[in-house]
Amino acid sequence: MARRRSRPYTADDVKFIHENYAAMTAADIAEKLGISKFQVSKIVSELRKHIDLPKKTAKRPNPIIEYLKSAGLPIKADEEKPKKSTRGRKKKS
């Protein structure tokens, strides 16, 4: 399968991403602008170095949960457990 080449991004693309990043997924932005998701994430990471971008509010729905809801199957409630950070090594005591 041939890899699709995307066009170089412009200042208008950066402006659109800055205005719509919190409300749209990276895939939606990439599809609308005609650039790759990699380019969107690259622009976002570069913008974060210079300004504060708002947190994401739009996320891709979980396909498994969507299937369970559409099939009318019961979904287990997640128990509230504090999550441990898995980053870094354990410190020696």
N, C-alpha and C. Protein backbone atom coordinates (compact mmCIF):
# COMPACT_ATOMS: atom_id res chain seq x y z
N MET A 1 0.83 -1.16 0.00
CA MET A 1 0.00 0.00 0.00
C MET A 1 0.89 1.24 0.00
N ALA A 2 0.60 2.14 -0.91
CA ALA A 2 1.41 3.34 -1.04
C ALA A 2 1.10 4.31 0.09
N ARG A 3 2.13 4.95 0.57
CA ARG A 3 1.96 5.90 1.65
C ARG A 3 1.48 7.23 1.09
N ARG A 4 0.47 7.79 1.73
CA ARG A 4 -0.07 9.05 1.26
C ARG A 4 0.81 10.19 1.74
N ARG A 5 1.19 11.06 0.85
CA ARG A 5 2.01 12.20 1.22
C ARG A 5 1.10 13.34 1.60
N SER A 6 1.47 14.06 2.63
CA SER A 6 0.68 15.20 3.03
C SER A 6 1.43 16.48 2.66
N ARG A 7 0.67 17.51 2.54
CA ARG A 7 1.26 18.78 2.11
C ARG A 7 1.94 19.48 3.29
N PRO A 8 2.81 20.42 3.02
CA PRO A 8 3.42 21.18 4.12
C PRO A 8 2.35 22.06 4.79
N TYR A 9 2.47 22.24 6.10
CA TYR A 9 1.47 23.05 6.79
C TYR A 9 1.82 24.53 6.71
N THR A 10 0.79 25.36 6.86
CA THR A 10 0.94 26.81 6.73
C THR A 10 0.57 27.49 8.05
N ALA A 11 0.71 28.81 8.07
CA ALA A 11 0.35 29.59 9.26
C ALA A 11 -1.16 29.51 9.51
N ASP A 12 -1.96 29.40 8.44
CA ASP A 12 -3.41 29.26 8.62
C ASP A 12 -3.75 27.93 9.30
N ASP A 13 -2.99 26.87 8.98
CA ASP A 13 -3.19 25.58 9.63
C ASP A 13 -2.89 25.67 11.12
N VAL A 14 -1.80 26.36 11.45
CA VAL A 14 -1.42 26.53 12.85
C VAL A 14 -2.51 27.30 13.60
N LYS A 15 -3.06 28.34 12.97
CA LYS A 15 -4.12 29.13 13.58
C LYS A 15 -5.36 28.26 13.82
N PHE A 16 -5.73 27.43 12.84
CA PHE A 16 -6.90 26.56 12.96
C PHE A 16 -6.69 25.55 14.10
N ILE A 17 -5.50 24.98 14.18
CA ILE A 17 -5.21 24.01 15.24
C ILE A 17 -5.27 24.69 16.60
N HIS A 18 -4.71 25.89 16.71
CA HIS A 18 -4.72 26.62 17.98
C HIS A 18 -6.15 26.90 18.44
N GLU A 19 -7.03 27.23 17.52
CA GLU A 19 -8.41 27.58 17.87
C GLU A 19 -9.27 26.35 18.15
N ASN A 20 -8.99 25.21 17.50
CA ASN A 20 -9.89 24.06 17.56
C ASN A 20 -9.31 22.82 18.22
N TYR A 21 -8.10 22.90 18.77
CA TYR A 21 -7.46 21.69 19.29
C TYR A 21 -8.24 21.07 20.45
N ALA A 22 -8.77 21.88 21.34
CA ALA A 22 -9.46 21.34 22.52
C ALA A 22 -10.77 20.67 22.15
N ALA A 23 -11.42 21.13 21.08
CA ALA A 23 -12.75 20.63 20.74
C ALA A 23 -12.75 19.51 19.70
N MET A 24 -11.63 19.28 19.04
CA MET A 24 -11.58 18.28 17.98
C MET A 24 -10.44 17.30 18.25
N THR A 25 -10.57 16.09 17.72
CA THR A 25 -9.47 15.14 17.82
C THR A 25 -8.42 15.47 16.76
N ALA A 26 -7.23 14.96 16.97
CA ALA A 26 -6.14 15.22 16.02
C ALA A 26 -6.48 14.64 14.65
N ALA A 27 -7.16 13.49 14.63
CA ALA A 27 -7.53 12.87 13.36
C ALA A 27 -8.55 13.73 12.61
N ASP A 28 -9.49 14.32 13.35
CA ASP A 28 -10.48 15.19 12.72
C ASP A 28 -9.83 16.44 12.14
N ILE A 29 -8.92 17.02 12.90
CA ILE A 29 -8.21 18.22 12.41
C ILE A 29 -7.39 17.87 11.18
N ALA A 30 -6.68 16.75 11.23
CA ALA A 30 -5.84 16.34 10.10
C ALA A 30 -6.68 16.10 8.85
N GLU A 31 -7.82 15.46 9.03
CA GLU A 31 -8.69 15.19 7.88
C GLU A 31 -9.25 16.49 7.29
N LYS A 32 -9.64 17.40 8.15
CA LYS A 32 -10.22 18.66 7.69
C LYS A 32 -9.20 19.53 6.96
N LEU A 33 -7.96 19.54 7.47
CA LEU A 33 -6.93 20.39 6.87
C LEU A 33 -6.20 19.72 5.72
N GLY A 34 -6.24 18.39 5.67
CA GLY A 34 -5.51 17.69 4.61
C GLY A 34 -4.05 17.49 4.93
N ILE A 35 -3.72 17.49 6.23
CA ILE A 35 -2.36 17.20 6.65
C ILE A 35 -2.40 15.92 7.49
N SER A 36 -1.24 15.41 7.88
CA SER A 36 -1.21 14.16 8.63
C SER A 36 -1.40 14.41 10.13
N LYS A 37 -1.79 13.34 10.84
CA LYS A 37 -1.92 13.44 12.31
C LYS A 37 -0.57 13.74 12.93
N PHE A 38 0.49 13.23 12.34
CA PHE A 38 1.82 13.50 12.86
C PHE A 38 2.12 14.99 12.80
N GLN A 39 1.73 15.64 11.69
CA GLN A 39 1.97 17.07 11.57
C GLN A 39 1.15 17.84 12.61
N VAL A 40 -0.08 17.39 12.87
CA VAL A 40 -0.91 18.05 13.87
C VAL A 40 -0.24 17.95 15.23
N SER A 41 0.22 16.75 15.59
CA SER A 41 0.87 16.59 16.90
C SER A 41 2.17 17.36 16.98
N LYS A 42 2.87 17.47 15.87
CA LYS A 42 4.11 18.24 15.83
C LYS A 42 3.83 19.72 16.06
N ILE A 43 2.78 20.24 15.43
CA ILE A 43 2.39 21.64 15.60
C ILE A 43 1.97 21.88 17.05
N VAL A 44 1.19 20.95 17.62
CA VAL A 44 0.72 21.09 19.00
C VAL A 44 1.90 21.10 19.97
N SER A 45 2.85 20.18 19.78
CA SER A 45 3.99 20.14 20.69
C SER A 45 4.82 21.41 20.59
N GLU A 46 4.93 21.96 19.40
CA GLU A 46 5.67 23.21 19.22
C GLU A 46 4.91 24.39 19.84
N LEU A 47 3.58 24.39 19.70
CA LEU A 47 2.78 25.45 20.32
C LEU A 47 2.87 25.40 21.84
N ARG A 48 2.90 24.20 22.40
CA ARG A 48 2.97 24.05 23.87
C ARG A 48 4.26 24.63 24.45
N LYS A 49 5.32 24.71 23.64
CA LYS A 49 6.57 25.30 24.10
C LYS A 49 6.43 26.80 24.32
N HIS A 50 5.52 27.42 23.55
CA HIS A 50 5.42 28.88 23.56
C HIS A 50 4.18 29.43 24.23
N ILE A 51 3.07 28.67 24.22
CA ILE A 51 1.83 29.13 24.83
C ILE A 51 1.18 27.98 25.58
N ASP A 52 0.19 28.30 26.42
CA ASP A 52 -0.56 27.28 27.12
C ASP A 52 -1.78 26.90 26.29
N LEU A 53 -1.82 25.67 25.81
CA LEU A 53 -2.99 25.18 25.09
C LEU A 53 -3.96 24.58 26.08
N PRO A 54 -5.26 24.73 25.86
CA PRO A 54 -6.22 24.11 26.79
C PRO A 54 -6.18 22.59 26.68
N LYS A 55 -6.63 21.93 27.75
CA LYS A 55 -6.68 20.46 27.76
C LYS A 55 -7.70 19.98 26.74
N LYS A 56 -7.50 18.74 26.29
CA LYS A 56 -8.43 18.14 25.33
C LYS A 56 -9.77 17.89 26.00
N THR A 57 -10.85 18.21 25.28
CA THR A 57 -12.19 17.84 25.73
C THR A 57 -12.81 16.82 24.80
N ALA A 58 -12.29 16.72 23.58
CA ALA A 58 -12.81 15.75 22.61
C ALA A 58 -11.87 14.56 22.56
N LYS A 59 -12.41 13.39 22.78
CA LYS A 59 -11.61 12.17 22.70
C LYS A 59 -12.34 11.16 21.84
N ARG A 60 -11.58 10.26 21.26
CA ARG A 60 -12.17 9.21 20.44
C ARG A 60 -12.93 8.26 21.35
N PRO A 61 -14.17 7.94 20.99
CA PRO A 61 -14.93 7.02 21.86
C PRO A 61 -14.33 5.61 21.81
N ASN A 62 -14.44 4.91 22.94
CA ASN A 62 -13.93 3.55 23.04
C ASN A 62 -14.86 2.63 22.25
N PRO A 63 -14.37 1.95 21.20
CA PRO A 63 -15.24 1.12 20.37
C PRO A 63 -15.85 -0.05 21.14
N ILE A 64 -15.18 -0.55 22.15
CA ILE A 64 -15.71 -1.67 22.93
C ILE A 64 -16.92 -1.21 23.74
N ILE A 65 -16.80 -0.06 24.39
CA ILE A 65 -17.91 0.49 25.16
C ILE A 65 -19.08 0.83 24.25
N GLU A 66 -18.79 1.38 23.07
CA GLU A 66 -19.85 1.70 22.11
C GLU A 66 -20.61 0.44 21.70
N TYR A 67 -19.88 -0.66 21.46
CA TYR A 67 -20.51 -1.93 21.09
C TYR A 67 -21.39 -2.44 22.22
N LEU A 68 -20.86 -2.44 23.45
CA LEU A 68 -21.62 -2.94 24.59
C LEU A 68 -22.91 -2.14 24.79
N LYS A 69 -22.83 -0.83 24.60
CA LYS A 69 -24.02 0.01 24.74
C LYS A 69 -25.03 -0.30 23.65
N SER A 70 -24.56 -0.45 22.41
CA SER A 70 -25.47 -0.71 21.29
C SER A 70 -26.11 -2.10 21.40
N ALA A 71 -25.37 -3.07 21.98
CA ALA A 71 -25.89 -4.42 22.13
C ALA A 71 -26.75 -4.56 23.39
N GLY A 72 -26.75 -3.54 24.23
CA GLY A 72 -27.55 -3.57 25.45
C GLY A 72 -26.97 -4.47 26.53
N LEU A 73 -25.67 -4.71 26.46
CA LEU A 73 -25.01 -5.56 27.46
C LEU A 73 -24.60 -4.73 28.67
N PRO A 74 -24.59 -5.33 29.86
CA PRO A 74 -24.22 -4.57 31.05
C PRO A 74 -22.72 -4.25 31.06
N ILE A 75 -22.39 -3.10 31.59
CA ILE A 75 -21.00 -2.66 31.68
C ILE A 75 -20.63 -2.60 33.15
N LYS A 76 -19.49 -3.20 33.50
CA LYS A 76 -19.03 -3.17 34.89
C LYS A 76 -18.63 -1.74 35.24
N ALA A 77 -18.98 -1.32 36.44
CA ALA A 77 -18.58 0.00 36.92
C ALA A 77 -17.13 -0.07 37.39
N ASP A 78 -16.35 0.88 36.93
CA ASP A 78 -14.95 0.92 37.35
C ASP A 78 -14.89 1.37 38.81
N GLU A 79 -14.18 0.60 39.61
CA GLU A 79 -14.01 0.97 41.00
C GLU A 79 -12.98 2.09 41.08
N GLU A 80 -13.25 3.03 41.95
CA GLU A 80 -12.34 4.16 42.11
C GLU A 80 -11.11 3.72 42.89
N LYS A 81 -10.03 3.48 42.18
CA LYS A 81 -8.77 3.11 42.80
C LYS A 81 -7.75 4.18 42.44
N PRO A 82 -6.94 4.59 43.38
CA PRO A 82 -5.91 5.56 43.01
C PRO A 82 -4.90 4.90 42.08
N LYS A 83 -4.58 5.57 41.01
CA LYS A 83 -3.65 5.01 40.04
C LYS A 83 -2.22 5.34 40.45
N LYS A 84 -1.37 4.35 40.34
CA LYS A 84 0.04 4.56 40.64
C LYS A 84 0.74 5.04 39.39
N SER A 85 1.70 5.87 39.57
CA SER A 85 2.52 6.33 38.46
C SER A 85 3.48 5.21 38.09
N THR A 86 3.56 4.91 36.83
CA THR A 86 4.48 3.85 36.37
C THR A 86 5.71 4.44 35.71
N ARG A 87 5.87 5.74 35.83
CA ARG A 87 7.01 6.37 35.20
C ARG A 87 8.22 6.31 36.11
N GLY A 88 9.35 6.11 35.53
CA GLY A 88 10.60 6.13 36.28
C GLY A 88 10.85 4.83 37.01
N ARG A 89 12.01 4.74 37.58
CA ARG A 89 12.39 3.54 38.33
C ARG A 89 11.99 3.69 39.78
N LYS A 90 11.93 2.53 40.45
CA LYS A 90 11.67 2.57 41.88
C LYS A 90 12.93 3.03 42.60
N LYS A 91 12.72 3.82 43.62
CA LYS A 91 13.86 4.29 44.38
C LYS A 91 14.29 3.24 45.38
N LYS A 92 15.59 3.11 45.56
CA LYS A 92 16.12 2.15 46.52
C LYS A 92 15.96 2.73 47.92
N SER A 93 15.61 1.88 48.87
CA SER A 93 15.44 2.39 50.23
C SER A 93 16.63 2.10 51.09
